Each structure stands twice: as C-alpha cells, then as structure tokens.
N, C-alpha and C. Protein backbone atom coordinates (compact mmCIF):
# COMPACT_ATOMS: atom_id res chain seq x y z
N MET A 1 0.74 -1.23 -0.01
CA MET A 1 -0.04 -0.01 0.05
C MET A 1 0.93 1.41 -0.04
N ASP A 2 0.51 2.30 -0.66
CA ASP A 2 1.14 3.67 -0.66
C ASP A 2 0.71 4.26 0.91
N LEU A 3 1.53 4.75 1.33
CA LEU A 3 1.17 5.68 2.83
C LEU A 3 1.64 7.17 2.52
N LYS A 4 0.69 7.78 3.09
CA LYS A 4 1.05 9.18 3.26
C LYS A 4 0.61 9.70 4.67
N PHE A 5 1.36 10.79 4.83
CA PHE A 5 1.31 11.20 6.26
C PHE A 5 0.78 12.86 6.31
N GLU A 6 -0.26 13.08 7.02
CA GLU A 6 -0.69 14.50 7.05
C GLU A 6 0.23 15.39 8.11
N ASN A 7 -0.11 16.51 7.92
CA ASN A 7 0.72 17.31 8.91
C ASN A 7 0.40 17.35 10.39
N SER A 8 -1.15 16.91 10.47
CA SER A 8 -1.42 16.78 11.76
C SER A 8 -0.84 15.52 12.48
N PHE A 9 -0.75 14.39 11.73
CA PHE A 9 0.02 13.21 12.12
C PHE A 9 1.30 13.48 12.62
N LYS A 10 2.22 14.23 11.75
CA LYS A 10 3.50 14.70 12.03
C LYS A 10 3.58 15.60 13.27
N ARG A 11 2.77 16.30 13.43
CA ARG A 11 2.61 17.21 14.65
C ARG A 11 2.60 16.58 15.81
N ASP A 12 1.53 15.50 15.79
CA ASP A 12 1.03 14.76 17.11
C ASP A 12 2.11 13.90 17.45
N LEU A 13 3.16 13.19 16.33
CA LEU A 13 4.22 12.48 16.50
C LEU A 13 5.46 13.07 17.48
N LYS A 14 5.50 14.40 17.06
CA LYS A 14 6.73 15.04 17.66
C LYS A 14 6.29 15.26 19.13
N LYS A 15 5.08 15.06 19.66
CA LYS A 15 4.66 15.16 21.00
C LYS A 15 4.85 13.84 21.97
N ILE A 16 4.83 12.99 21.37
CA ILE A 16 5.01 11.30 21.75
C ILE A 16 6.37 11.27 22.32
N LYS A 17 6.65 11.08 23.61
CA LYS A 17 7.67 10.92 24.42
C LYS A 17 8.09 9.41 24.60
N ASP A 18 7.14 8.52 24.67
CA ASP A 18 7.15 7.03 24.97
C ASP A 18 7.89 6.44 23.92
N LYS A 19 8.86 5.91 24.26
CA LYS A 19 9.95 5.04 23.17
C LYS A 19 9.27 3.75 23.04
N ASN A 20 8.67 3.17 23.67
CA ASN A 20 7.82 2.04 23.35
C ASN A 20 6.75 2.27 22.43
N VAL A 21 5.96 3.16 22.42
CA VAL A 21 5.09 3.59 21.54
C VAL A 21 5.60 3.87 20.13
N LEU A 22 6.61 4.62 20.12
CA LEU A 22 7.53 4.88 18.84
C LEU A 22 8.10 3.66 18.25
N GLU A 23 8.60 2.83 18.97
CA GLU A 23 9.02 1.56 18.39
C GLU A 23 7.86 0.76 17.78
N GLU A 24 6.69 0.64 18.48
CA GLU A 24 5.51 -0.01 18.02
C GLU A 24 5.10 0.55 16.78
N LEU A 25 5.20 1.89 16.49
CA LEU A 25 4.47 2.74 15.44
C LEU A 25 5.42 2.31 14.30
N LYS A 26 6.85 2.14 14.51
CA LYS A 26 7.67 1.73 13.41
C LYS A 26 7.40 0.46 12.81
N LYS A 27 6.80 -0.33 13.76
CA LYS A 27 6.65 -1.97 13.28
C LYS A 27 5.40 -1.94 12.51
N VAL A 28 4.31 -1.04 12.96
CA VAL A 28 3.11 -0.88 12.44
C VAL A 28 3.43 -0.30 10.92
N ILE A 29 3.97 0.92 10.78
CA ILE A 29 4.18 1.20 9.42
C ILE A 29 4.99 0.41 8.67
N LYS A 30 5.91 -0.25 9.05
CA LYS A 30 6.70 -1.29 8.02
C LYS A 30 5.76 -2.42 7.78
N GLY A 31 4.86 -2.83 8.63
CA GLY A 31 3.88 -3.72 8.23
C GLY A 31 2.90 -3.40 7.16
N LEU A 32 2.38 -2.22 7.46
CA LEU A 32 1.34 -1.61 6.56
C LEU A 32 2.00 -1.52 5.10
N GLU A 33 3.04 -1.03 4.84
CA GLU A 33 3.87 -0.95 3.59
C GLU A 33 3.80 -2.15 2.83
N GLU A 34 3.90 -3.26 3.51
CA GLU A 34 4.12 -4.49 2.74
C GLU A 34 2.68 -5.27 2.47
N LEU A 35 1.47 -4.45 2.83
CA LEU A 35 0.26 -5.24 2.56
C LEU A 35 -0.20 -4.71 1.09
N ASN A 36 -1.21 -5.75 0.80
CA ASN A 36 -1.65 -5.48 -0.32
C ASN A 36 -3.31 -4.84 0.06
N GLU A 37 -3.75 -5.26 0.99
CA GLU A 37 -5.14 -4.95 1.41
C GLU A 37 -5.03 -4.77 3.08
N LEU A 38 -5.83 -3.71 3.22
CA LEU A 38 -5.63 -3.32 5.07
C LEU A 38 -6.46 -4.43 5.66
N ARG A 39 -7.31 -5.10 5.29
CA ARG A 39 -8.06 -6.09 6.02
C ARG A 39 -6.95 -7.28 6.45
N ASN A 40 -5.82 -7.26 5.89
CA ASN A 40 -5.02 -8.54 5.97
C ASN A 40 -3.97 -8.15 7.14
N PHE A 41 -4.00 -6.87 7.74
CA PHE A 41 -3.32 -6.46 8.87
C PHE A 41 -3.47 -7.27 10.10
N LYS A 42 -2.21 -7.78 10.61
CA LYS A 42 -2.61 -8.56 11.90
C LYS A 42 -2.34 -7.89 13.22
N GLY A 43 -2.32 -6.53 13.11
CA GLY A 43 -2.51 -5.73 14.44
C GLY A 43 -3.79 -5.57 14.92
N ASN A 44 -3.97 -4.55 15.88
CA ASN A 44 -5.16 -4.23 16.65
C ASN A 44 -5.97 -3.11 15.66
N LEU A 45 -6.50 -3.69 14.38
CA LEU A 45 -7.14 -2.61 13.46
C LEU A 45 -8.63 -2.84 13.75
N LYS A 46 -9.30 -1.73 13.62
CA LYS A 46 -10.67 -1.66 13.74
C LYS A 46 -11.37 -0.72 12.85
N LYS A 47 -12.34 -0.90 12.02
CA LYS A 47 -13.01 -0.04 10.98
C LYS A 47 -13.92 0.84 11.99
N LEU A 48 -13.97 2.19 11.79
CA LEU A 48 -14.96 3.07 12.52
C LEU A 48 -16.31 3.17 11.87
N ARG A 49 -17.14 3.33 12.65
CA ARG A 49 -18.61 3.32 12.18
C ARG A 49 -18.86 4.71 11.55
N SER A 50 -18.20 5.67 12.04
CA SER A 50 -18.54 7.25 11.52
C SER A 50 -18.39 7.19 10.07
N GLY A 51 -17.58 6.49 9.33
CA GLY A 51 -17.43 6.84 7.91
C GLY A 51 -16.79 5.35 7.10
N LYS A 52 -16.92 5.61 5.97
CA LYS A 52 -16.72 4.20 5.22
C LYS A 52 -15.30 3.92 5.23
N ASN A 53 -14.46 4.97 5.32
CA ASN A 53 -13.06 4.96 4.93
C ASN A 53 -12.20 5.30 6.03
N PHE A 54 -12.69 5.06 7.27
CA PHE A 54 -11.82 5.45 8.47
C PHE A 54 -11.55 4.31 9.38
N TRP A 55 -10.40 4.29 9.73
CA TRP A 55 -10.03 3.12 10.68
C TRP A 55 -9.23 3.49 11.86
N ARG A 56 -8.99 2.64 12.80
CA ARG A 56 -7.89 3.05 13.83
C ARG A 56 -7.12 1.74 14.17
N ILE A 57 -5.94 2.19 14.69
CA ILE A 57 -5.16 0.98 15.10
C ILE A 57 -4.66 1.55 16.71
N ARG A 58 -4.74 0.38 17.29
CA ARG A 58 -4.41 0.69 18.97
C ARG A 58 -3.13 0.44 18.98
N ILE A 59 -2.16 1.01 19.69
CA ILE A 59 -0.96 0.78 20.26
C ILE A 59 -0.84 1.47 21.67
N GLY A 60 -1.01 0.71 22.53
CA GLY A 60 -1.01 0.96 24.06
C GLY A 60 -2.15 1.80 24.28
N ASP A 61 -1.88 2.93 24.96
CA ASP A 61 -2.94 4.09 25.31
C ASP A 61 -3.20 4.91 24.01
N TYR A 62 -2.30 4.61 22.96
CA TYR A 62 -2.56 5.54 21.75
C TYR A 62 -3.18 5.04 20.67
N ARG A 63 -3.87 5.99 19.73
CA ARG A 63 -4.85 5.47 18.62
C ARG A 63 -4.30 6.12 17.47
N ILE A 64 -4.00 5.22 16.48
CA ILE A 64 -3.67 5.97 15.14
C ILE A 64 -5.03 5.94 14.28
N GLY A 65 -5.27 7.22 13.81
CA GLY A 65 -6.40 7.37 12.85
C GLY A 65 -5.90 7.53 11.48
N LEU A 66 -6.80 6.56 10.79
CA LEU A 66 -6.31 6.05 9.44
C LEU A 66 -7.44 6.58 8.41
N GLU A 67 -7.21 6.99 7.41
CA GLU A 67 -8.06 7.00 6.28
C GLU A 67 -7.57 6.35 5.04
N THR A 68 -8.56 5.61 4.23
CA THR A 68 -8.16 5.12 2.97
C THR A 68 -8.81 5.56 1.84
N GLU A 69 -7.89 5.65 0.59
CA GLU A 69 -8.45 6.27 -0.46
C GLU A 69 -7.92 5.39 -1.62
N GLY A 70 -8.64 4.46 -2.11
CA GLY A 70 -8.23 3.51 -3.12
C GLY A 70 -6.97 2.74 -2.53
N ASN A 71 -5.88 2.71 -3.09
CA ASN A 71 -4.59 2.06 -2.43
C ASN A 71 -3.82 2.74 -1.76
N THR A 72 -4.20 3.90 -1.18
CA THR A 72 -3.52 4.84 -0.28
C THR A 72 -3.93 4.88 0.86
N LEU A 73 -3.13 4.82 1.89
CA LEU A 73 -3.49 4.83 3.22
C LEU A 73 -2.69 5.97 4.00
N ILE A 74 -3.72 6.95 4.57
CA ILE A 74 -3.44 8.31 4.79
C ILE A 74 -3.45 8.05 6.54
N PHE A 75 -2.23 8.56 7.03
CA PHE A 75 -2.14 8.64 8.66
C PHE A 75 -2.52 10.06 8.95
N VAL A 76 -3.63 10.06 9.84
CA VAL A 76 -4.35 11.53 10.20
C VAL A 76 -3.77 12.03 11.18
N ARG A 77 -4.16 11.25 12.31
CA ARG A 77 -3.73 11.43 13.77
C ARG A 77 -3.11 10.28 14.54
N ILE A 78 -2.29 10.76 15.59
CA ILE A 78 -2.04 9.65 16.62
C ILE A 78 -2.06 10.43 17.85
N LEU A 79 -3.15 10.10 18.70
CA LEU A 79 -3.13 10.78 20.02
C LEU A 79 -3.66 9.79 21.04
N PRO A 80 -3.53 10.10 22.43
CA PRO A 80 -4.01 9.19 23.35
C PRO A 80 -5.64 8.90 23.12
N ARG A 81 -6.04 7.66 23.60
CA ARG A 81 -7.36 7.39 23.67
C ARG A 81 -8.37 8.23 23.80
N LYS A 82 -8.10 9.03 25.23
CA LYS A 82 -9.03 10.09 25.61
C LYS A 82 -9.08 11.19 24.57
N GLU A 83 -8.37 11.54 23.69
CA GLU A 83 -8.41 12.70 22.82
C GLU A 83 -8.70 12.32 21.49
N ILE A 84 -8.41 11.28 20.93
CA ILE A 84 -8.46 10.91 19.46
C ILE A 84 -9.79 10.97 18.86
N TYR A 85 -10.91 10.53 19.71
CA TYR A 85 -12.29 10.69 19.23
C TYR A 85 -12.85 12.16 19.16
N LYS A 86 -12.08 13.01 19.76
CA LYS A 86 -12.60 14.31 19.69
C LYS A 86 -12.08 15.06 18.30
N TYR A 87 -11.04 14.49 17.75
CA TYR A 87 -10.53 15.09 16.45
C TYR A 87 -10.48 14.34 15.41
N PHE A 88 -10.68 13.08 15.43
CA PHE A 88 -10.83 12.04 14.44
C PHE A 88 -11.94 11.25 14.47
N PRO A 89 -12.81 10.91 13.47
CA PRO A 89 -12.74 11.42 12.05
C PRO A 89 -13.48 12.76 12.02
C-alpha cells in the first residue's frame, strides 16, 4: 500500500515521548507498507462506524487514525485514547 502522512499526524508524533509507542509505531508502518489490502493487517485494527473509509489502530494507550483512498493509506492523527475521538474523524 502507498502511505501518506498528514501534517496533523507529524505534529502529533513530535509530542510523543514514550519510546515503546514509537518503536511499535515503526513496526506498524513497516507492516502496512508490505500489505496489499488493509484487512490483512495482523495488528489491532478496527473499522470506525462514523465513515466508510476511517480506521484506527491501537498501540497501548494511543490510537492511530487512518483514512483510505483507493490503494493509499493516509495517517491522519496519533493521539491518546481520551483525545483521538474528539479530533478524528
């Protein structure tokens, strides 16, 4: 899959200090790059009810907000669980 990173995701990423979350994020990104279809991802992936193309991946207390457009996967936000659903989708 093609990966794209929104500015909001990059901004959120700079605020994360937990090295375990950052290491897990690297593994998730590497795994997603190698996929042909999002449904084949072996991590904690869940489709959101609010929209057809919105997904989330859980990494500890953090959630990654994703959007799909064709074969492109867009990383929109990465925030703690208590904040992610205020800003995504």
